[in-house]
Amino acid sequence: MVELRAEIVATVLKVFVEVGQDLLPGDAVVLLESMKMEIPVLAESAGRLCHLNVGEGDTVAESEVLANIE
C-alpha cells in the first residue's frame, strides 16, 4: 500500500478522485494550497484508491496521510 502524504501544512482546494478509482502514475489526486501556492499531489504508482482521508476545505498537517493506493 502506498501512502500519499502532504509535504507541508496546507488547505485542500480540490479532490480529483473517488475511492475505488484506478490510478496511473502521475494522476492528480488532490490539489493543496499553501501561502497562495497550489501544490498538486500525484499518484506515485498505478493502483486503486482504497482510502481518501481528506475533503475539500480541510486543513492538513505536514506528513499527514491524504490517501492510500493499493
PDB file of N, CA and C in Angstrom:
ATOM      1  N   MET A   1       0.844  -1.176   0.000  1.00  0.00           N
ATOM      2  CA  MET A   1       0.000   0.000   0.000  1.00  0.00           C
ATOM      3  C   MET A   1       0.893   1.244   0.000  1.00  0.00           C
ATOM      4  N   VAL A   2       0.566   2.197  -0.855  1.00  0.00           N
ATOM      5  CA  VAL A   2       1.303   3.447  -0.962  1.00  0.00           C
ATOM      6  C   VAL A   2       0.515   4.540  -0.252  1.00  0.00           C
ATOM      7  N   GLU A   3       1.187   5.280   0.630  1.00  0.00           N
ATOM      8  CA  GLU A   3       0.555   6.405   1.317  1.00  0.00           C
ATOM      9  C   GLU A   3       0.949   7.701   0.617  1.00  0.00           C
ATOM     10  N   LEU A   4      -0.036   8.502   0.254  1.00  0.00           N
ATOM     11  CA  LEU A   4       0.236   9.834  -0.281  1.00  0.00           C
ATOM     12  C   LEU A   4       0.147  10.805   0.881  1.00  0.00           C
ATOM     13  N   ARG A   5       1.214  11.569   1.105  1.00  0.00           N
ATOM     14  CA  ARG A   5       1.291  12.463   2.263  1.00  0.00           C
ATOM     15  C   ARG A   5       1.440  13.917   1.830  1.00  0.00           C
ATOM     16  N   ALA A   6       0.974  14.810   2.696  1.00  0.00           N
ATOM     17  CA  ALA A   6       1.151  16.242   2.471  1.00  0.00           C
ATOM     18  C   ALA A   6       2.603  16.600   2.784  1.00  0.00           C
ATOM     19  N   GLU A   7       3.216  17.389   1.926  1.00  0.00           N
ATOM     20  CA  GLU A   7       4.601  17.797   2.159  1.00  0.00           C
ATOM     21  C   GLU A   7       4.686  18.968   3.130  1.00  0.00           C
ATOM     22  N   ILE A   8       3.613  19.756   3.219  1.00  0.00           N
ATOM     23  CA  ILE A   8       3.587  20.938   4.080  1.00  0.00           C
ATOM     24  C   ILE A   8       2.185  21.121   4.650  1.00  0.00           C
ATOM     25  N   VAL A   9       2.055  22.019   5.622  1.00  0.00           N
ATOM     26  CA  VAL A   9       0.737  22.394   6.130  1.00  0.00           C
ATOM     27  C   VAL A   9       0.019  23.128   5.008  1.00  0.00           C
ATOM     28  N   ALA A  10      -1.215  22.730   4.713  1.00  0.00           N
ATOM     29  CA  ALA A  10      -1.929  23.303   3.571  1.00  0.00           C
ATOM     30  C   ALA A  10      -3.429  23.096   3.726  1.00  0.00           C
ATOM     31  N   THR A  11      -4.168  23.700   2.796  1.00  0.00           N
ATOM     32  CA  THR A  11      -5.615  23.519   2.695  1.00  0.00           C
ATOM     33  C   THR A  11      -5.905  22.732   1.424  1.00  0.00           C
ATOM     34  N   VAL A  12      -6.844  21.793   1.506  1.00  0.00           N
ATOM     35  CA  VAL A  12      -7.236  21.011   0.332  1.00  0.00           C
ATOM     36  C   VAL A  12      -8.178  21.864  -0.517  1.00  0.00           C
ATOM     37  N   LEU A  13      -7.730  22.222  -1.719  1.00  0.00           N
ATOM     38  CA  LEU A  13      -8.553  23.020  -2.635  1.00  0.00           C
ATOM     39  C   LEU A  13      -9.498  22.154  -3.451  1.00  0.00           C
ATOM     40  N   LYS A  14      -8.994  21.010  -3.923  1.00  0.00           N
ATOM     41  CA  LYS A  14      -9.776  20.182  -4.848  1.00  0.00           C
ATOM     42  C   LYS A  14      -9.391  18.721  -4.664  1.00  0.00           C
ATOM     43  N   VAL A  15     -10.386  17.859  -4.722  1.00  0.00           N
ATOM     44  CA  VAL A  15     -10.171  16.409  -4.731  1.00  0.00           C
ATOM     45  C   VAL A  15     -10.572  15.921  -6.119  1.00  0.00           C
ATOM     46  N   PHE A  16      -9.651  15.248  -6.798  1.00  0.00           N
ATOM     47  CA  PHE A  16      -9.873  14.830  -8.182  1.00  0.00           C
ATOM     48  C   PHE A  16     -10.341  13.386  -8.327  1.00  0.00           C
ATOM     49  N   VAL A  17     -10.330  12.614  -7.254  1.00  0.00           N
ATOM     50  CA  VAL A  17     -10.570  11.169  -7.348  1.00  0.00           C
ATOM     51  C   VAL A  17     -11.637  10.715  -6.361  1.00  0.00           C
ATOM     52  N   GLU A  18     -12.096   9.479  -6.559  1.00  0.00           N
ATOM     53  CA  GLU A  18     -13.052   8.847  -5.651  1.00  0.00           C
ATOM     54  C   GLU A  18     -12.491   7.498  -5.222  1.00  0.00           C
ATOM     55  N   VAL A  19     -12.885   7.048  -4.047  1.00  0.00           N
ATOM     56  CA  VAL A  19     -12.462   5.734  -3.561  1.00  0.00           C
ATOM     57  C   VAL A  19     -12.903   4.669  -4.565  1.00  0.00           C
ATOM     58  N   GLY A  20     -11.997   3.751  -4.860  1.00  0.00           N
ATOM     59  CA  GLY A  20     -12.269   2.687  -5.823  1.00  0.00           C
ATOM     60  C   GLY A  20     -11.787   3.001  -7.225  1.00  0.00           C
ATOM     61  N   GLN A  21     -11.380   4.229  -7.463  1.00  0.00           N
ATOM     62  CA  GLN A  21     -10.923   4.641  -8.792  1.00  0.00           C
ATOM     63  C   GLN A  21      -9.531   4.078  -9.066  1.00  0.00           C
ATOM     64  N   ASP A  22      -9.310   3.609 -10.300  1.00  0.00           N
ATOM     65  CA  ASP A  22      -7.992   3.143 -10.724  1.00  0.00           C
ATOM     66  C   ASP A  22      -7.144   4.343 -11.103  1.00  0.00           C
ATOM     67  N   LEU A  23      -5.884   4.323 -10.661  1.00  0.00           N
ATOM     68  CA  LEU A  23      -4.967   5.432 -10.907  1.00  0.00           C
ATOM     69  C   LEU A  23      -3.721   4.948 -11.629  1.00  0.00           C
ATOM     70  N   LEU A  24      -3.139   5.849 -12.397  1.00  0.00           N
ATOM     71  CA  LEU A  24      -1.862   5.620 -13.057  1.00  0.00           C
ATOM     72  C   LEU A  24      -0.842   6.576 -12.458  1.00  0.00           C
ATOM     73  N   PRO A  25       0.454   6.258 -12.559  1.00  0.00           N
ATOM     74  CA  PRO A  25       1.459   7.185 -12.048  1.00  0.00           C
ATOM     75  C   PRO A  25       1.292   8.568 -12.687  1.00  0.00           C
ATOM     76  N   GLY A  26       1.313   9.597 -11.861  1.00  0.00           N
ATOM     77  CA  GLY A  26       1.179  10.964 -12.353  1.00  0.00           C
ATOM     78  C   GLY A  26      -0.236  11.503 -12.335  1.00  0.00           C
ATOM     79  N   ASP A  27      -1.237  10.650 -12.074  1.00  0.00           N
ATOM     80  CA  ASP A  27      -2.618  11.140 -11.972  1.00  0.00           C
ATOM     81  C   ASP A  27      -2.746  12.071 -10.775  1.00  0.00           C
ATOM     82  N   ALA A  28      -3.461  13.179 -10.951  1.00  0.00           N
ATOM     83  CA  ALA A  28      -3.703  14.119  -9.855  1.00  0.00           C
ATOM     84  C   ALA A  28      -4.707  13.514  -8.883  1.00  0.00           C
ATOM     85  N   VAL A  29      -4.373  13.538  -7.600  1.00  0.00           N
ATOM     86  CA  VAL A  29      -5.255  13.015  -6.559  1.00  0.00           C
ATOM     87  C   VAL A  29      -5.928  14.174  -5.832  1.00  0.00           C
ATOM     88  N   VAL A  30      -5.135  15.099  -5.309  1.00  0.00           N
ATOM     89  CA  VAL A  30      -5.682  16.298  -4.665  1.00  0.00           C
ATOM     90  C   VAL A  30      -4.829  17.504  -5.031  1.00  0.00           C
ATOM     91  N   LEU A  31      -5.413  18.687  -4.847  1.00  0.00           N
ATOM     92  CA  LEU A  31      -4.697  19.942  -5.045  1.00  0.00           C
ATOM     93  C   LEU A  31      -4.683  20.665  -3.712  1.00  0.00           C
ATOM     94  N   LEU A  32      -3.474  20.958  -3.222  1.00  0.00           N
ATOM     95  CA  LEU A  32      -3.308  21.667  -1.960  1.00  0.00           C
ATOM     96  C   LEU A  32      -2.969  23.123  -2.227  1.00  0.00           C
ATOM     97  N   GLU A  33      -3.265  23.984  -1.246  1.00  0.00           N
ATOM     98  CA  GLU A  33      -2.904  25.405  -1.330  1.00  0.00           C
ATOM     99  C   GLU A  33      -2.229  25.795  -0.036  1.00  0.00           C
ATOM    100  N   SER A  34      -1.074  26.447  -0.172  1.00  0.00           N
ATOM    101  CA  SER A  34      -0.356  26.960   0.985  1.00  0.00           C
ATOM    102  C   SER A  34       0.339  28.249   0.587  1.00  0.00           C
ATOM    103  N   MET A  35       0.109  29.299   1.347  1.00  0.00           N
ATOM    104  CA  MET A  35       0.722  30.608   1.091  1.00  0.00           C
ATOM    105  C   MET A  35       0.506  31.047  -0.359  1.00  0.00           C
ATOM    106  N   LYS A  36      -0.708  30.863  -0.856  1.00  0.00           N
ATOM    107  CA  LYS A  36      -1.142  31.250  -2.202  1.00  0.00           C
ATOM    108  C   LYS A  36      -0.462  30.460  -3.319  1.00  0.00           C
ATOM    109  N   MET A  37       0.174  29.347  -2.963  1.00  0.00           N
ATOM    110  CA  MET A  37       0.765  28.464  -3.969  1.00  0.00           C
ATOM    111  C   MET A  37      -0.069  27.198  -4.055  1.00  0.00           C
ATOM    112  N   GLU A  38      -0.317  26.720  -5.263  1.00  0.00           N
ATOM    113  CA  GLU A  38      -1.053  25.478  -5.469  1.00  0.00           C
ATOM    114  C   GLU A  38      -0.065  24.326  -5.655  1.00  0.00           C
ATOM    115  N   ILE A  39      -0.297  23.245  -4.919  1.00  0.00           N
ATOM    116  CA  ILE A  39       0.606  22.104  -4.925  1.00  0.00           C
ATOM    117  C   ILE A  39      -0.181  20.842  -5.270  1.00  0.00           C
ATOM    118  N   PRO A  40       0.010  20.283  -6.465  1.00  0.00           N
ATOM    119  CA  PRO A  40      -0.694  19.040  -6.800  1.00  0.00           C
ATOM    120  C   PRO A  40      -0.048  17.848  -6.093  1.00  0.00           C
ATOM    121  N   VAL A  41      -0.877  16.929  -5.631  1.00  0.00           N
ATOM    122  CA  VAL A  41      -0.393  15.662  -5.075  1.00  0.00           C
ATOM    123  C   VAL A  41      -0.756  14.598  -6.101  1.00  0.00           C
ATOM    124  N   LEU A  42       0.266  13.937  -6.627  1.00  0.00           N
ATOM    125  CA  LEU A  42       0.093  12.995  -7.730  1.00  0.00           C
ATOM    126  C   LEU A  42       0.283  11.557  -7.268  1.00  0.00           C
ATOM    127  N   ALA A  43      -0.393  10.640  -7.934  1.00  0.00           N
ATOM    128  CA  ALA A  43      -0.200   9.213  -7.664  1.00  0.00           C
ATOM    129  C   ALA A  43       1.233   8.846  -8.031  1.00  0.00           C
ATOM    130  N   GLU A  44       1.884   8.117  -7.147  1.00  0.00           N
ATOM    131  CA  GLU A  44       3.272   7.726  -7.380  1.00  0.00           C
ATOM    132  C   GLU A  44       3.385   6.399  -8.118  1.00  0.00           C
ATOM    133  N   SER A  45       2.304   5.626  -8.092  1.00  0.00           N
ATOM    134  CA  SER A  45       2.313   4.322  -8.751  1.00  0.00           C
ATOM    135  C   SER A  45       0.899   3.981  -9.207  1.00  0.00           C
ATOM    136  N   ALA A  46       0.809   2.981 -10.056  1.00  0.00           N
ATOM    137  CA  ALA A  46      -0.505   2.521 -10.502  1.00  0.00           C
ATOM    138  C   ALA A  46      -1.171   1.741  -9.382  1.00  0.00           C
ATOM    139  N   GLY A  47      -2.480   1.812  -9.341  1.00  0.00           N
ATOM    140  CA  GLY A  47      -3.226   1.068  -8.335  1.00  0.00           C
ATOM    141  C   GLY A  47      -4.631   1.611  -8.198  1.00  0.00           C
ATOM    142  N   ARG A  48      -5.307   1.135  -7.165  1.00  0.00           N
ATOM    143  CA  ARG A  48      -6.681   1.559  -6.893  1.00  0.00           C
ATOM    144  C   ARG A  48      -6.692   2.371  -5.605  1.00  0.00           C
ATOM    145  N   LEU A  49      -7.397   3.495  -5.622  1.00  0.00           N
ATOM    146  CA  LEU A  49      -7.528   4.330  -4.426  1.00  0.00           C
ATOM    147  C   LEU A  49      -8.414   3.598  -3.422  1.00  0.00           C
ATOM    148  N   CYS A  50      -7.835   3.247  -2.277  1.00  0.00           N
ATOM    149  CA  CYS A  50      -8.607   2.481  -1.289  1.00  0.00           C
ATOM    150  C   CYS A  50      -9.065   3.333  -0.110  1.00  0.00           C
ATOM    151  N   HIS A  51      -8.372   4.421   0.177  1.00  0.00           N
ATOM    152  CA  HIS A  51      -8.781   5.323   1.261  1.00  0.00           C
ATOM    153  C   HIS A  51      -8.508   6.758   0.838  1.00  0.00           C
ATOM    154  N   LEU A  52      -9.465   7.631   1.088  1.00  0.00           N
ATOM    155  CA  LEU A  52      -9.290   9.069   0.885  1.00  0.00           C
ATOM    156  C   LEU A  52      -9.599   9.714   2.225  1.00  0.00           C
ATOM    157  N   ASN A  53      -8.587  10.289   2.844  1.00  0.00           N
ATOM    158  CA  ASN A  53      -8.709  10.765   4.217  1.00  0.00           C
ATOM    159  C   ASN A  53      -9.021  12.248   4.337  1.00  0.00           C
ATOM    160  N   VAL A  54      -9.163  12.964   3.212  1.00  0.00           N
ATOM    161  CA  VAL A  54      -9.396  14.409   3.253  1.00  0.00           C
ATOM    162  C   VAL A  54     -10.528  14.794   2.312  1.00  0.00           C
ATOM    163  N   GLY A  55     -11.057  15.975   2.535  1.00  0.00           N
ATOM    164  CA  GLY A  55     -12.078  16.537   1.665  1.00  0.00           C
ATOM    165  C   GLY A  55     -11.742  17.984   1.362  1.00  0.00           C
ATOM    166  N   GLU A  56     -12.427  18.546   0.399  1.00  0.00           N
ATOM    167  CA  GLU A  56     -12.182  19.939   0.029  1.00  0.00           C
ATOM    168  C   GLU A  56     -12.443  20.846   1.227  1.00  0.00           C
ATOM    169  N   GLY A  57     -11.509  21.774   1.457  1.00  0.00           N
ATOM    170  CA  GLY A  57     -11.622  22.709   2.564  1.00  0.00           C
ATOM    171  C   GLY A  57     -10.907  22.264   3.826  1.00  0.00           C
ATOM    172  N   ASP A  58     -10.487  21.001   3.881  1.00  0.00           N
ATOM    173  CA  ASP A  58      -9.768  20.503   5.061  1.00  0.00           C
ATOM    174  C   ASP A  58      -8.382  21.130   5.145  1.00  0.00           C
ATOM    175  N   THR A  59      -7.907  21.321   6.366  1.00  0.00           N
ATOM    176  CA  THR A  59      -6.531  21.729   6.601  1.00  0.00           C
ATOM    177  C   THR A  59      -5.743  20.478   6.957  1.00  0.00           C
ATOM    178  N   VAL A  60      -4.583  20.319   6.326  1.00  0.00           N
ATOM    179  CA  VAL A  60      -3.761  19.135   6.566  1.00  0.00           C
ATOM    180  C   VAL A  60      -2.417  19.541   7.152  1.00  0.00           C
ATOM    181  N   ALA A  61      -1.878  18.657   7.977  1.00  0.00           N
ATOM    182  CA  ALA A  61      -0.582  18.881   8.602  1.00  0.00           C
ATOM    183  C   ALA A  61       0.526  18.305   7.728  1.00  0.00           C
ATOM    184  N   GLU A  62       1.742  18.767   7.962  1.00  0.00           N
ATOM    185  CA  GLU A  62       2.893  18.211   7.267  1.00  0.00           C
ATOM    186  C   GLU A  62       2.987  16.719   7.570  1.00  0.00           C
ATOM    187  N   SER A  63       3.181  15.921   6.549  1.00  0.00           N
ATOM    188  CA  SER A  63       3.307  14.460   6.614  1.00  0.00           C
ATOM    189  C   SER A  63       1.991  13.728   6.885  1.00  0.00           C
ATOM    190  N   GLU A  64       0.864  14.436   6.917  1.00  0.00           N
ATOM    191  CA  GLU A  64      -0.428  13.779   7.113  1.00  0.00           C
ATOM    192  C   GLU A  64      -0.754  12.908   5.897  1.00  0.00           C
ATOM    193  N   VAL A  65      -1.298  11.718   6.150  1.00  0.00           N
ATOM    194  CA  VAL A  65      -1.679  10.813   5.063  1.00  0.00           C
ATOM    195  C   VAL A  65      -2.966  11.333   4.430  1.00  0.00           C
ATOM    196  N   LEU A  66      -2.903  11.619   3.129  1.00  0.00           N
ATOM    197  CA  LEU A  66      -4.053  12.141   2.395  1.00  0.00           C
ATOM    198  C   LEU A  66      -4.883  11.013   1.795  1.00  0.00           C
ATOM    199  N   ALA A  67      -4.192   9.998   1.280  1.00  0.00           N
ATOM    200  CA  ALA A  67      -4.874   8.898   0.591  1.00  0.00           C
ATOM    201  C   ALA A  67      -3.961   7.682   0.561  1.00  0.00           C
ATOM    202  N   ASN A  68      -4.576   6.520   0.323  1.00  0.00           N
ATOM    203  CA  ASN A  68      -3.836   5.271   0.196  1.00  0.00           C
ATOM    204  C   ASN A  68      -4.183   4.615  -1.136  1.00  0.00           C
ATOM    205  N   ILE A  69      -3.151   4.097  -1.799  1.00  0.00           N
ATOM    206  CA  ILE A  69      -3.319   3.390  -3.068  1.00  0.00           C
ATOM    207  C   ILE A  69      -2.798   1.972  -2.875  1.00  0.00           C
ATOM    208  N   GLU A  70      -3.593   0.993  -3.318  1.00  0.00           N
ATOM    209  CA  GLU A  70      -3.105  -0.394  -3.241  1.00  0.00           C
ATOM    210  C   GLU A  70      -3.149  -1.039  -4.603  1.00  0.00           C
TER     211      GLU A  70
END
